[in-house]
C-alpha cells in the first residue's frame, strides 16, 4: 500500500505535502513535509503537554495499570500527561518532539483529534499555492516507487533521455501513429506518454508485504 499523502497550508497560504512519520519501521512523531519545513501537530497549538506529572492527572485506566512498573517513573523528565494519558517523549536539541508514545502503547499523534487532510490527484488543482520542493519530491516518489509490486513498469526515451515510470494503470487515449498512453499513479497523478517514446511495458513481480 502506498503511504497516504497529506496536505497542510501554512499561514502564508503555501500548501505542503506531508507524510506520517509513524509508519513501521519508523516510529517518529507527527506528520512532516517533504521540504522539512513543516511538522504537525504543533505543541501548544494542537495539543498541550503537562510535564509536571502527578498520578492524579492520569485518568486513562490502561496507563494507570502501568504505574509501579520499573519502566514507569513519574519523575523522569521524559514523562508527560496529555488528555489523561501518560506519555513518554523524546526531543531534539532544539526542543522539538521527535518521538512520543502513550504508555498504553499508541503513538501520541494517532490519539489526538488533530489530523491533516489527505489528498489524491494533482494538488495544484485543489489549492492556491503548492510548495515547489514538496511537490517535486512527491511527484518523483509517485512515479519511481514500486511499493508492493504488480504495477506497470513503463520505460521511455524522451528529450531528457531514458526514464522509467511505475504506474497503477494506463489507458490509450489516442490511437494511430500519434497514439498517447496515459499513465495513472498510485495516488491519481496522470502522465501522458507518446507512442514513439515508449521502449517497453512490463508488469513488476508481486511483493509480499507485512504490515
C-alpha atoms as a PDB file:
ATOM      1  CA  UNK A   1       0.000   0.000   0.000  1.00  0.00           C
ATOM      2  CA  UNK A   2       1.371   3.392  -0.992  1.00  0.00           C
ATOM      3  CA  UNK A   3       1.700   5.696   2.060  1.00  0.00           C
ATOM      4  CA  UNK A   4      -1.171   8.185   2.307  1.00  0.00           C
ATOM      5  CA  UNK A   5      -0.101  11.743   1.386  1.00  0.00           C
ATOM      6  CA  UNK A   6      -1.450  14.648   3.450  1.00  0.00           C
ATOM      7  CA  UNK A   7      -1.558  18.398   2.926  1.00  0.00           C
ATOM      8  CA  UNK A   8      -1.102  21.336   5.260  1.00  0.00           C
ATOM      9  CA  UNK A   9      -1.441  25.028   4.447  1.00  0.00           C
ATOM     10  CA  UNK A  10       0.677  27.453   6.466  1.00  0.00           C
ATOM     11  CA  UNK A  11      -0.348  30.966   7.468  1.00  0.00           C
ATOM     12  CA  UNK A  12       1.298  32.400   4.346  1.00  0.00           C
ATOM     13  CA  UNK A  13      -1.076  30.382   2.140  1.00  0.00           C
ATOM     14  CA  UNK A  14       1.502  27.852   0.918  1.00  0.00           C
ATOM     15  CA  UNK A  15       0.381  24.211   0.932  1.00  0.00           C
ATOM     16  CA  UNK A  16       2.915  21.494   1.775  1.00  0.00           C
ATOM     17  CA  UNK A  17       2.853  17.737   1.172  1.00  0.00           C
ATOM     18  CA  UNK A  18       3.264  15.660   4.329  1.00  0.00           C
ATOM     19  CA  UNK A  19       3.674  12.009   5.255  1.00  0.00           C
ATOM     20  CA  UNK A  20       3.086  10.233   8.545  1.00  0.00           C
ATOM     21  CA  UNK A  21       6.348   9.812  10.490  1.00  0.00           C
ATOM     22  CA  UNK A  22       4.969   6.767  12.317  1.00  0.00           C
ATOM     23  CA  UNK A  23       4.949   4.097   9.623  1.00  0.00           C
ATOM     24  CA  UNK A  24       6.824   0.906  10.593  1.00  0.00           C
ATOM     25  CA  UNK A  25       9.741   0.575  10.880  1.00  0.00           C
ATOM     26  CA  UNK A  26       9.793   4.345  11.554  1.00  0.00           C
ATOM     27  CA  UNK A  27       8.369   5.455  14.909  1.00  0.00           C
ATOM     28  CA  UNK A  28       8.701   9.225  14.575  1.00  0.00           C
ATOM     29  CA  UNK A  29       6.255  11.869  15.765  1.00  0.00           C
ATOM     30  CA  UNK A  30       3.569  13.575  13.709  1.00  0.00           C
ATOM     31  CA  UNK A  31       3.484  14.395  10.018  1.00  0.00           C
ATOM     32  CA  UNK A  32       6.424  16.114   8.266  1.00  0.00           C
ATOM     33  CA  UNK A  33       6.562  17.945   4.955  1.00  0.00           C
ATOM     34  CA  UNK A  34       8.799  16.687   2.163  1.00  0.00           C
ATOM     35  CA  UNK A  35      10.654  20.018   2.244  1.00  0.00           C
ATOM     36  CA  UNK A  36      11.333  19.511   6.004  1.00  0.00           C
ATOM     37  CA  UNK A  37       9.954  22.984   6.822  1.00  0.00           C
ATOM     38  CA  UNK A  38       6.693  21.833   8.422  1.00  0.00           C
ATOM     39  CA  UNK A  39       5.871  19.347  11.166  1.00  0.00           C
ATOM     40  CA  UNK A  40       2.408  18.961  12.680  1.00  0.00           C
ATOM     41  CA  UNK A  41       0.723  18.714  15.131  1.00  0.00           C
ATOM     42  CA  UNK A  42       2.227  21.746  16.850  1.00  0.00           C
ATOM     43  CA  UNK A  43       2.749  21.606  20.593  1.00  0.00           C
ATOM     44  CA  UNK A  44       0.866  24.414  22.321  1.00  0.00           C
ATOM     45  CA  UNK A  45      -1.428  24.893  19.328  1.00  0.00           C
ATOM     46  CA  UNK A  46      -2.893  21.482  18.546  1.00  0.00           C
ATOM     47  CA  UNK A  47      -2.210  19.794  21.885  1.00  0.00           C
ATOM     48  CA  UNK A  48      -0.808  20.547  25.349  1.00  0.00           C
ATOM     49  CA  UNK A  49       1.832  18.574  27.223  1.00  0.00           C
ATOM     50  CA  UNK A  50       1.705  18.706  31.018  1.00  0.00           C
ATOM     51  CA  UNK A  51       5.248  17.889  32.096  1.00  0.00           C
ATOM     52  CA  UNK A  52       4.501  18.399  35.788  1.00  0.00           C
ATOM     53  CA  UNK A  53       3.292  14.826  36.158  1.00  0.00           C
ATOM     54  CA  UNK A  54       1.158  13.659  39.066  1.00  0.00           C
ATOM     55  CA  UNK A  55      -0.600  10.313  39.397  1.00  0.00           C
ATOM     56  CA  UNK A  56      -3.926  12.083  39.939  1.00  0.00           C
ATOM     57  CA  UNK A  57      -3.675  13.602  36.438  1.00  0.00           C
ATOM     58  CA  UNK A  58      -3.592  10.156  34.809  1.00  0.00           C
ATOM     59  CA  UNK A  59      -7.194   9.221  34.091  1.00  0.00           C
ATOM     60  CA  UNK A  60      -6.562   6.560  31.424  1.00  0.00           C
ATOM     61  CA  UNK A  61      -7.052   3.209  33.162  1.00  0.00           C
ATOM     62  CA  UNK A  62      -4.622   1.430  30.851  1.00  0.00           C
ATOM     63  CA  UNK A  63      -1.922   3.968  31.737  1.00  0.00           C
ATOM     64  CA  UNK A  64      -2.755   3.771  35.451  1.00  0.00           C
ATOM     65  CA  UNK A  65      -2.306  -0.001  35.310  1.00  0.00           C
ATOM     66  CA  UNK A  66       1.339   0.606  34.355  1.00  0.00           C
ATOM     67  CA  UNK A  67       2.121   2.724  37.432  1.00  0.00           C
ATOM     68  CA  UNK A  68       4.592   0.962  39.668  1.00  0.00           C
ATOM     69  CA  UNK A  69       6.286  -0.833  36.784  1.00  0.00           C
ATOM     70  CA  UNK A  70      10.081  -0.446  36.688  1.00  0.00           C
ATOM     71  CA  UNK A  71       9.987   1.417  33.349  1.00  0.00           C
ATOM     72  CA  UNK A  72       7.434   3.992  34.528  1.00  0.00           C
ATOM     73  CA  UNK A  73       8.988   6.787  36.597  1.00  0.00           C
ATOM     74  CA  UNK A  74       6.801   9.871  37.044  1.00  0.00           C
ATOM     75  CA  UNK A  75       9.905  11.882  37.981  1.00  0.00           C
ATOM     76  CA  UNK A  76      11.600  11.092  34.678  1.00  0.00           C
ATOM     77  CA  UNK A  77      11.984  14.250  32.553  1.00  0.00           C
ATOM     78  CA  UNK A  78      10.740  12.348  29.503  1.00  0.00           C
ATOM     79  CA  UNK A  79       7.325  11.769  31.101  1.00  0.00           C
ATOM     80  CA  UNK A  80       4.286  13.988  30.470  1.00  0.00           C
ATOM     81  CA  UNK A  81       0.499  13.826  30.513  1.00  0.00           C
ATOM     82  CA  UNK A  82      -1.768  14.509  27.542  1.00  0.00           C
ATOM     83  CA  UNK A  83      -5.558  14.197  27.812  1.00  0.00           C
ATOM     84  CA  UNK A  84      -5.243  11.987  30.871  1.00  0.00           C
ATOM     85  CA  UNK A  85      -2.702   9.616  29.303  1.00  0.00           C
ATOM     86  CA  UNK A  86       0.883   9.139  30.463  1.00  0.00           C
ATOM     87  CA  UNK A  87       3.245   9.849  27.573  1.00  0.00           C
ATOM     88  CA  UNK A  88       6.956   9.245  27.095  1.00  0.00           C
ATOM     89  CA  UNK A  89       8.530  11.985  24.948  1.00  0.00           C
ATOM     90  CA  UNK A  90      11.879  12.466  23.215  1.00  0.00           C
ATOM     91  CA  UNK A  91      13.050  15.825  21.857  1.00  0.00           C
ATOM     92  CA  UNK A  92      15.846  17.003  19.588  1.00  0.00           C
ATOM     93  CA  UNK A  93      18.465  19.577  20.508  1.00  0.00           C
ATOM     94  CA  UNK A  94      16.062  22.380  19.554  1.00  0.00           C
ATOM     95  CA  UNK A  95      13.315  21.075  21.817  1.00  0.00           C
ATOM     96  CA  UNK A  96      11.107  19.717  19.026  1.00  0.00           C
ATOM     97  CA  UNK A  97       9.336  16.436  19.729  1.00  0.00           C
ATOM     98  CA  UNK A  98      10.825  13.619  17.662  1.00  0.00           C
ATOM     99  CA  UNK A  99       9.071  10.684  19.335  1.00  0.00           C
ATOM    100  CA  UNK A 100       6.060  10.472  21.632  1.00  0.00           C
ATOM    101  CA  UNK A 101       4.201   7.363  22.691  1.00  0.00           C
ATOM    102  CA  UNK A 102       1.495   6.813  25.253  1.00  0.00           C
ATOM    103  CA  UNK A 103       2.291   4.271  27.951  1.00  0.00           C
ATOM    104  CA  UNK A 104      -0.863   2.473  26.809  1.00  0.00           C
ATOM    105  CA  UNK A 105       1.086   1.766  23.611  1.00  0.00           C
ATOM    106  CA  UNK A 106      -0.219   4.086  20.936  1.00  0.00           C
ATOM    107  CA  UNK A 107       1.671   6.820  19.127  1.00  0.00           C
ATOM    108  CA  UNK A 108       0.597  10.138  20.639  1.00  0.00           C
ATOM    109  CA  UNK A 109      -0.319  11.874  17.387  1.00  0.00           C
ATOM    110  CA  UNK A 110      -2.611   8.997  16.406  1.00  0.00           C
ATOM    111  CA  UNK A 111      -4.635   9.531  19.581  1.00  0.00           C
ATOM    112  CA  UNK A 112      -5.210  13.268  19.065  1.00  0.00           C
ATOM    113  CA  UNK A 113      -8.288  14.697  17.372  1.00  0.00           C
ATOM    114  CA  UNK A 114      -5.935  16.575  15.026  1.00  0.00           C
ATOM    115  CA  UNK A 115      -5.121  15.108  11.615  1.00  0.00           C
ATOM    116  CA  UNK A 116      -4.128  16.893   8.390  1.00  0.00           C
ATOM    117  CA  UNK A 117      -6.250  16.344   5.283  1.00  0.00           C
ATOM    118  CA  UNK A 118      -5.283  13.593   2.873  1.00  0.00           C
ATOM    119  CA  UNK A 119      -5.493  14.145  -0.882  1.00  0.00           C
ATOM    120  CA  UNK A 120      -5.263  12.441  -4.245  1.00  0.00           C
ATOM    121  CA  UNK A 121      -4.608  13.634  -7.762  1.00  0.00           C
ATOM    122  CA  UNK A 122      -2.970  16.927  -8.668  1.00  0.00           C
ATOM    123  CA  UNK A 123      -2.783  19.116  -5.571  1.00  0.00           C
ATOM    124  CA  UNK A 124      -2.201  22.227  -7.700  1.00  0.00           C
ATOM    125  CA  UNK A 125      -5.802  21.883  -8.936  1.00  0.00           C
ATOM    126  CA  UNK A 126      -7.123  21.868  -5.366  1.00  0.00           C
ATOM    127  CA  UNK A 127      -5.302  24.695  -3.566  1.00  0.00           C
ATOM    128  CA  UNK A 128      -3.977  28.156  -4.395  1.00  0.00           C
ATOM    129  CA  UNK A 129      -0.233  27.565  -3.983  1.00  0.00           C
ATOM    130  CA  UNK A 130       1.884  24.434  -3.513  1.00  0.00           C
ATOM    131  CA  UNK A 131       5.440  24.284  -2.154  1.00  0.00           C
ATOM    132  CA  UNK A 132       7.656  23.572  -5.183  1.00  0.00           C
ATOM    133  CA  UNK A 133      10.144  21.478  -3.217  1.00  0.00           C
ATOM    134  CA  UNK A 134       7.397  19.330  -1.683  1.00  0.00           C
ATOM    135  CA  UNK A 135       5.641  18.814  -4.999  1.00  0.00           C
ATOM    136  CA  UNK A 136       8.759  17.894  -6.951  1.00  0.00           C
ATOM    137  CA  UNK A 137       9.681  15.305  -4.308  1.00  0.00           C
ATOM    138  CA  UNK A 138       6.121  13.974  -4.208  1.00  0.00           C
ATOM    139  CA  UNK A 139       5.863  13.572  -7.984  1.00  0.00           C
ATOM    140  CA  UNK A 140       9.227  11.791  -8.036  1.00  0.00           C
ATOM    141  CA  UNK A 141       8.010   9.376  -5.364  1.00  0.00           C
ATOM    142  CA  UNK A 142       4.763   8.698  -7.203  1.00  0.00           C
ATOM    143  CA  UNK A 143       6.406   7.631 -10.449  1.00  0.00           C
ATOM    144  CA  UNK A 144       9.558   5.976  -9.100  1.00  0.00           C
ATOM    145  CA  UNK A 145       8.103   3.796  -6.306  1.00  0.00           C
ATOM    146  CA  UNK A 146       7.121   0.172  -6.814  1.00  0.00           C
ATOM    147  CA  UNK A 147       5.730  -0.335  -3.301  1.00  0.00           C
ATOM    148  CA  UNK A 148       4.014  -3.706  -3.484  1.00  0.00           C
ATOM    149  CA  UNK A 149       4.779  -4.875  -6.997  1.00  0.00           C
ATOM    150  CA  UNK A 150       2.221  -5.943  -9.618  1.00  0.00           C
ATOM    151  CA  UNK A 151       2.494  -2.489 -11.181  1.00  0.00           C
ATOM    152  CA  UNK A 152       3.214  -1.392 -14.727  1.00  0.00           C
ATOM    153  CA  UNK A 153       6.830  -0.510 -15.452  1.00  0.00           C
ATOM    154  CA  UNK A 154       6.999   1.787 -18.452  1.00  0.00           C
ATOM    155  CA  UNK A 155      10.409   2.596 -19.922  1.00  0.00           C
ATOM    156  CA  UNK A 156      10.587   5.599 -22.229  1.00  0.00           C
ATOM    157  CA  UNK A 157      13.079   7.612 -24.234  1.00  0.00           C
ATOM    158  CA  UNK A 158      12.266  11.294 -24.487  1.00  0.00           C
ATOM    159  CA  UNK A 159      14.086  14.603 -24.910  1.00  0.00           C
ATOM    160  CA  UNK A 160      15.637  14.167 -21.444  1.00  0.00           C
ATOM    161  CA  UNK A 161      16.938  10.676 -22.145  1.00  0.00           C
ATOM    162  CA  UNK A 162      15.809   7.352 -20.710  1.00  0.00           C
ATOM    163  CA  UNK A 163      13.216   7.340 -17.915  1.00  0.00           C
ATOM    164  CA  UNK A 164      11.265   4.703 -16.025  1.00  0.00           C
ATOM    165  CA  UNK A 165       7.793   5.119 -14.518  1.00  0.00           C
ATOM    166  CA  UNK A 166       5.783   2.826 -12.256  1.00  0.00           C
ATOM    167  CA  UNK A 167       2.044   3.182 -12.745  1.00  0.00           C
ATOM    168  CA  UNK A 168      -1.055   1.671 -11.169  1.00  0.00           C
ATOM    169  CA  UNK A 169      -2.848   1.817 -14.501  1.00  0.00           C
ATOM    170  CA  UNK A 170      -2.708   3.033 -18.086  1.00  0.00           C
ATOM    171  CA  UNK A 171      -5.166   3.982 -20.803  1.00  0.00           C
ATOM    172  CA  UNK A 172      -4.724   4.599 -24.515  1.00  0.00           C
ATOM    173  CA  UNK A 173      -6.290   7.995 -25.125  1.00  0.00           C
ATOM    174  CA  UNK A 174      -5.352   8.409 -28.772  1.00  0.00           C
ATOM    175  CA  UNK A 175      -4.788   5.740 -31.400  1.00  0.00           C
ATOM    176  CA  UNK A 176      -2.825   5.665 -34.624  1.00  0.00           C
ATOM    177  CA  UNK A 177       0.724   6.869 -35.257  1.00  0.00           C
ATOM    178  CA  UNK A 178       0.245   9.759 -32.855  1.00  0.00           C
ATOM    179  CA  UNK A 179      -1.010   7.464 -30.113  1.00  0.00           C
ATOM    180  CA  UNK A 180      -0.717   8.517 -26.476  1.00  0.00           C
ATOM    181  CA  UNK A 181      -0.702   6.325 -23.380  1.00  0.00           C
ATOM    182  CA  UNK A 182      -1.990   7.993 -20.205  1.00  0.00           C
ATOM    183  CA  UNK A 183      -0.338   6.608 -17.059  1.00  0.00           C
ATOM    184  CA  UNK A 184      -2.063   6.870 -13.688  1.00  0.00           C
ATOM    185  CA  UNK A 185      -0.006   6.745 -10.484  1.00  0.00           C
ATOM    186  CA  UNK A 186      -0.982   5.081  -7.194  1.00  0.00           C
ATOM    187  CA  UNK A 187      -2.480   8.321  -5.913  1.00  0.00           C
ATOM    188  CA  UNK A 188      -4.102   9.574  -9.073  1.00  0.00           C
ATOM    189  CA  UNK A 189      -1.441  11.614 -10.861  1.00  0.00           C
ATOM    190  CA  UNK A 190      -1.595  11.429 -14.643  1.00  0.00           C
ATOM    191  CA  UNK A 191       1.221  11.465 -17.192  1.00  0.00           C
ATOM    192  CA  UNK A 192       0.837  11.272 -20.972  1.00  0.00           C
ATOM    193  CA  UNK A 193       3.497   9.386 -22.930  1.00  0.00           C
ATOM    194  CA  UNK A 194       3.680   9.411 -26.727  1.00  0.00           C
ATOM    195  CA  UNK A 195       3.751   6.070 -28.526  1.00  0.00           C
ATOM    196  CA  UNK A 196       7.146   6.703 -30.131  1.00  0.00           C
ATOM    197  CA  UNK A 197       8.725   7.382 -26.726  1.00  0.00           C
ATOM    198  CA  UNK A 198       7.761   4.007 -25.237  1.00  0.00           C
ATOM    199  CA  UNK A 199      10.559   1.464 -25.186  1.00  0.00           C
ATOM    200  CA  UNK A 200       8.898  -1.274 -23.138  1.00  0.00           C
ATOM    201  CA  UNK A 201       5.970  -2.025 -20.831  1.00  0.00           C
ATOM    202  CA  UNK A 202       6.089  -4.812 -18.261  1.00  0.00           C
ATOM    203  CA  UNK A 203       4.395  -5.925 -15.038  1.00  0.00           C
ATOM    204  CA  UNK A 204       6.569  -5.871 -11.926  1.00  0.00           C
ATOM    205  CA  UNK A 205       6.647  -9.010  -9.714  1.00  0.00           C
ATOM    206  CA  UNK A 206       4.189  -9.032  -6.823  1.00  0.00           C
ATOM    207  CA  UNK A 207       5.799  -8.479  -3.430  1.00  0.00           C
ATOM    208  CA  UNK A 208       4.750  -9.885  -0.061  1.00  0.00           C
ATOM    209  CA  UNK A 209       4.473  -7.021   2.401  1.00  0.00           C
ATOM    210  CA  UNK A 210       3.761  -7.464   6.121  1.00  0.00           C
ATOM    211  CA  UNK A 211       2.044  -4.611   7.954  1.00  0.00           C
END
